[in-house]
């Protein structure tokens, strides 16, 4: 998708400063980063940490379901380490 954006005033100056100071190589790159930042702010995209937490929770749920089907249960830390002491 191509979009023409006309910037004036503070947004235009801020964009120029971001590129001039080397935060971004191009204005287009800075605008893309801004759009991604808005996506995070409005919870439209998730951070890597949020995705990792979701995957861990899903894996734990799957393991718990498997263990429930087999009639198994989690054991505590002390019980798990007892045979190694």
N, C-alpha and C. Protein backbone atom coordinates (compact mmCIF):
# COMPACT_ATOMS: atom_id res chain seq x y z
N UNK A 1 0.84 -1.17 0.00
CA UNK A 1 0.00 0.00 0.00
C UNK A 1 0.89 1.24 0.00
N UNK A 2 0.54 2.19 -0.80
CA UNK A 2 1.26 3.45 -0.81
C UNK A 2 0.34 4.54 -0.30
N UNK A 3 0.89 5.40 0.55
CA UNK A 3 0.12 6.49 1.12
C UNK A 3 0.96 7.76 1.08
N UNK A 4 0.35 8.84 0.68
CA UNK A 4 1.03 10.12 0.67
C UNK A 4 0.66 10.85 1.96
N UNK A 5 1.67 11.25 2.70
CA UNK A 5 1.45 11.95 3.97
C UNK A 5 2.08 13.33 3.88
N UNK A 6 1.29 14.34 4.18
CA UNK A 6 1.81 15.71 4.19
C UNK A 6 1.94 16.14 5.64
N UNK A 7 3.16 16.47 6.04
CA UNK A 7 3.41 16.88 7.41
C UNK A 7 3.82 18.34 7.44
N UNK A 8 3.33 19.03 8.46
CA UNK A 8 3.69 20.43 8.67
C UNK A 8 3.91 20.64 10.15
N UNK A 9 4.59 21.70 10.49
CA UNK A 9 4.75 22.10 11.87
C UNK A 9 5.57 21.12 12.69
N UNK A 10 5.12 20.88 13.93
CA UNK A 10 5.86 20.05 14.88
C UNK A 10 6.10 18.63 14.37
N UNK A 11 5.09 17.94 13.84
CA UNK A 11 5.37 16.57 13.35
C UNK A 11 6.47 16.55 12.29
N UNK A 12 6.45 17.53 11.37
CA UNK A 12 7.46 17.59 10.33
C UNK A 12 8.85 17.82 10.94
N UNK A 13 8.94 18.76 11.86
CA UNK A 13 10.23 19.07 12.50
C UNK A 13 10.74 17.88 13.31
N UNK A 14 9.85 17.24 14.04
CA UNK A 14 10.24 16.08 14.84
C UNK A 14 10.78 14.96 13.96
N UNK A 15 10.10 14.72 12.86
CA UNK A 15 10.54 13.69 11.92
C UNK A 15 11.94 14.00 11.39
N UNK A 16 12.17 15.25 11.03
CA UNK A 16 13.49 15.65 10.53
C UNK A 16 14.58 15.46 11.59
N UNK A 17 14.27 15.81 12.84
CA UNK A 17 15.24 15.66 13.93
C UNK A 17 15.55 14.18 14.16
N UNK A 18 14.54 13.32 14.13
CA UNK A 18 14.75 11.88 14.34
C UNK A 18 15.71 11.31 13.30
N UNK A 19 15.57 11.75 12.07
CA UNK A 19 16.44 11.26 11.00
C UNK A 19 17.82 11.91 11.11
N UNK A 20 17.85 13.21 11.35
CA UNK A 20 19.13 13.93 11.42
C UNK A 20 20.01 13.40 12.55
N UNK A 21 19.40 13.05 13.68
CA UNK A 21 20.17 12.54 14.82
C UNK A 21 20.53 11.06 14.68
N UNK A 22 20.04 10.44 13.63
CA UNK A 22 20.42 9.06 13.36
C UNK A 22 19.56 8.00 14.03
N UNK A 23 18.43 8.40 14.62
CA UNK A 23 17.54 7.40 15.21
C UNK A 23 16.95 6.50 14.13
N UNK A 24 16.74 7.08 12.96
CA UNK A 24 16.23 6.34 11.82
C UNK A 24 17.00 6.76 10.59
N UNK A 25 17.14 5.84 9.63
CA UNK A 25 17.88 6.15 8.41
C UNK A 25 17.06 7.04 7.47
N UNK A 26 15.75 6.80 7.45
CA UNK A 26 14.89 7.57 6.55
C UNK A 26 13.63 8.01 7.27
N UNK A 27 12.93 8.95 6.67
CA UNK A 27 11.65 9.40 7.22
C UNK A 27 10.62 8.27 7.18
N UNK A 28 10.67 7.51 6.11
CA UNK A 28 9.74 6.38 5.97
C UNK A 28 9.92 5.38 7.11
N UNK A 29 11.17 5.08 7.43
CA UNK A 29 11.47 4.15 8.52
C UNK A 29 10.93 4.70 9.85
N UNK A 30 11.08 5.99 10.08
CA UNK A 30 10.58 6.60 11.31
C UNK A 30 9.05 6.54 11.38
N UNK A 31 8.40 6.78 10.26
CA UNK A 31 6.93 6.72 10.23
C UNK A 31 6.45 5.30 10.49
N UNK A 32 7.11 4.31 9.89
CA UNK A 32 6.75 2.91 10.15
C UNK A 32 6.89 2.58 11.64
N UNK A 33 7.99 3.03 12.25
CA UNK A 33 8.21 2.77 13.68
C UNK A 33 7.12 3.42 14.51
N UNK A 34 6.70 4.62 14.11
CA UNK A 34 5.63 5.31 14.83
C UNK A 34 4.32 4.56 14.74
N UNK A 35 4.02 4.01 13.59
CA UNK A 35 2.78 3.24 13.42
C UNK A 35 2.82 1.98 14.28
N UNK A 36 3.97 1.30 14.31
CA UNK A 36 4.11 0.11 15.16
C UNK A 36 3.97 0.47 16.64
N UNK A 37 4.51 1.61 17.01
CA UNK A 37 4.39 2.06 18.40
C UNK A 37 2.93 2.31 18.76
N UNK A 38 2.17 2.90 17.85
CA UNK A 38 0.75 3.11 18.09
C UNK A 38 0.02 1.77 18.22
N UNK A 39 0.42 0.80 17.42
CA UNK A 39 -0.19 -0.53 17.50
C UNK A 39 0.01 -1.14 18.87
N UNK A 40 1.21 -0.98 19.43
CA UNK A 40 1.49 -1.49 20.78
C UNK A 40 0.69 -0.73 21.82
N UNK A 41 0.67 0.61 21.68
CA UNK A 41 -0.02 1.46 22.66
C UNK A 41 -1.51 1.11 22.75
N UNK A 42 -2.11 0.79 21.61
CA UNK A 42 -3.53 0.46 21.58
C UNK A 42 -3.79 -1.05 21.60
N UNK A 43 -2.77 -1.81 21.99
CA UNK A 43 -2.88 -3.27 22.14
C UNK A 43 -3.33 -3.97 20.88
N UNK A 44 -2.91 -3.46 19.74
CA UNK A 44 -3.23 -4.12 18.47
C UNK A 44 -2.15 -5.13 18.10
N UNK A 45 -0.94 -4.93 18.62
CA UNK A 45 0.13 -5.90 18.45
C UNK A 45 0.74 -6.14 19.82
N UNK A 46 1.38 -7.26 19.96
CA UNK A 46 1.92 -7.64 21.26
C UNK A 46 3.45 -7.57 21.24
N UNK A 47 3.98 -7.31 22.40
CA UNK A 47 5.43 -7.29 22.54
C UNK A 47 5.96 -8.72 22.53
N UNK A 48 7.24 -8.91 22.24
CA UNK A 48 7.81 -10.27 22.29
C UNK A 48 7.61 -10.93 23.66
N UNK A 49 7.69 -10.14 24.74
CA UNK A 49 7.51 -10.70 26.08
C UNK A 49 6.07 -11.19 26.26
N UNK A 50 5.09 -10.42 25.77
CA UNK A 50 3.70 -10.84 25.87
C UNK A 50 3.46 -12.13 25.09
N UNK A 51 4.04 -12.21 23.89
CA UNK A 51 3.90 -13.43 23.09
C UNK A 51 4.53 -14.62 23.79
N UNK A 52 5.71 -14.41 24.38
CA UNK A 52 6.38 -15.48 25.11
C UNK A 52 5.51 -15.96 26.27
N UNK A 53 4.94 -15.02 27.03
CA UNK A 53 4.09 -15.38 28.16
C UNK A 53 2.87 -16.17 27.70
N UNK A 54 2.28 -15.78 26.59
CA UNK A 54 1.12 -16.51 26.06
C UNK A 54 1.51 -17.93 25.67
N UNK A 55 2.67 -18.09 25.02
CA UNK A 55 3.12 -19.42 24.61
C UNK A 55 3.41 -20.31 25.81
N UNK A 56 4.02 -19.74 26.85
CA UNK A 56 4.30 -20.51 28.07
C UNK A 56 2.99 -20.95 28.71
N UNK A 57 2.04 -20.05 28.82
CA UNK A 57 0.75 -20.38 29.42
C UNK A 57 0.04 -21.48 28.62
N UNK A 58 0.11 -21.39 27.30
CA UNK A 58 -0.51 -22.41 26.45
C UNK A 58 0.16 -23.76 26.65
N UNK A 59 1.48 -23.78 26.72
CA UNK A 59 2.22 -25.03 26.92
C UNK A 59 1.87 -25.65 28.28
N UNK A 60 1.82 -24.82 29.33
CA UNK A 60 1.45 -25.33 30.65
C UNK A 60 0.05 -25.93 30.65
N UNK A 61 -0.87 -25.26 29.97
CA UNK A 61 -2.24 -25.76 29.88
C UNK A 61 -2.28 -27.12 29.18
N UNK A 62 -1.52 -27.24 28.08
CA UNK A 62 -1.45 -28.52 27.35
C UNK A 62 -0.87 -29.62 28.24
N UNK A 63 0.21 -29.31 28.97
CA UNK A 63 0.82 -30.30 29.85
C UNK A 63 -0.13 -30.72 30.96
N UNK A 64 -0.82 -29.75 31.54
CA UNK A 64 -1.77 -30.07 32.60
C UNK A 64 -2.89 -30.97 32.09
N UNK A 65 -3.37 -30.71 30.87
CA UNK A 65 -4.42 -31.53 30.28
C UNK A 65 -3.92 -32.96 30.04
N UNK A 66 -2.69 -33.10 29.52
CA UNK A 66 -2.11 -34.42 29.31
C UNK A 66 -1.98 -35.17 30.63
N UNK A 67 -1.48 -34.48 31.65
CA UNK A 67 -1.30 -35.11 32.96
C UNK A 67 -2.64 -35.50 33.57
N UNK A 68 -3.66 -34.66 33.38
CA UNK A 68 -4.99 -34.98 33.90
C UNK A 68 -5.53 -36.24 33.25
N UNK A 69 -5.34 -36.37 31.93
CA UNK A 69 -5.81 -37.55 31.21
C UNK A 69 -5.11 -38.82 31.71
N UNK A 70 -3.83 -38.71 32.09
CA UNK A 70 -3.05 -39.85 32.57
C UNK A 70 -3.22 -40.08 34.07
N UNK A 71 -3.93 -39.18 34.73
CA UNK A 71 -4.10 -39.30 36.17
C UNK A 71 -2.85 -38.89 36.95
N UNK A 72 -1.99 -38.09 36.34
CA UNK A 72 -0.77 -37.63 36.99
C UNK A 72 -1.00 -36.25 37.59
N UNK A 73 -0.08 -35.85 38.50
CA UNK A 73 -0.15 -34.51 39.04
C UNK A 73 1.25 -33.97 39.23
N UNK A 74 1.33 -32.65 39.30
CA UNK A 74 2.62 -32.02 39.54
C UNK A 74 3.07 -32.33 40.96
N UNK A 75 4.39 -32.42 41.13
CA UNK A 75 4.92 -32.60 42.47
C UNK A 75 5.67 -31.33 42.86
N UNK A 76 5.82 -31.12 44.14
CA UNK A 76 6.50 -29.92 44.62
C UNK A 76 7.99 -30.00 44.42
N UNK A 77 8.64 -28.86 44.61
CA UNK A 77 10.09 -28.77 44.42
C UNK A 77 10.83 -29.70 45.36
N UNK A 78 10.44 -29.73 46.64
CA UNK A 78 11.12 -30.58 47.61
C UNK A 78 11.02 -32.05 47.23
N UNK A 79 9.84 -32.46 46.83
CA UNK A 79 9.64 -33.85 46.43
C UNK A 79 10.45 -34.19 45.18
N UNK A 80 10.51 -33.28 44.25
CA UNK A 80 11.25 -33.51 43.00
C UNK A 80 12.75 -33.62 43.26
N UNK A 81 13.26 -32.83 44.19
CA UNK A 81 14.70 -32.81 44.46
C UNK A 81 15.13 -33.80 45.55
N UNK A 82 14.18 -34.43 46.23
CA UNK A 82 14.49 -35.30 47.37
C UNK A 82 15.45 -36.41 47.01
N UNK A 83 15.28 -37.04 45.86
CA UNK A 83 16.13 -38.17 45.51
C UNK A 83 17.56 -37.75 45.15
N UNK A 84 17.80 -36.45 44.98
CA UNK A 84 19.14 -35.97 44.62
C UNK A 84 19.91 -35.45 45.83
N UNK A 85 19.30 -35.48 47.00
CA UNK A 85 19.99 -34.98 48.20
C UNK A 85 20.67 -36.07 48.93
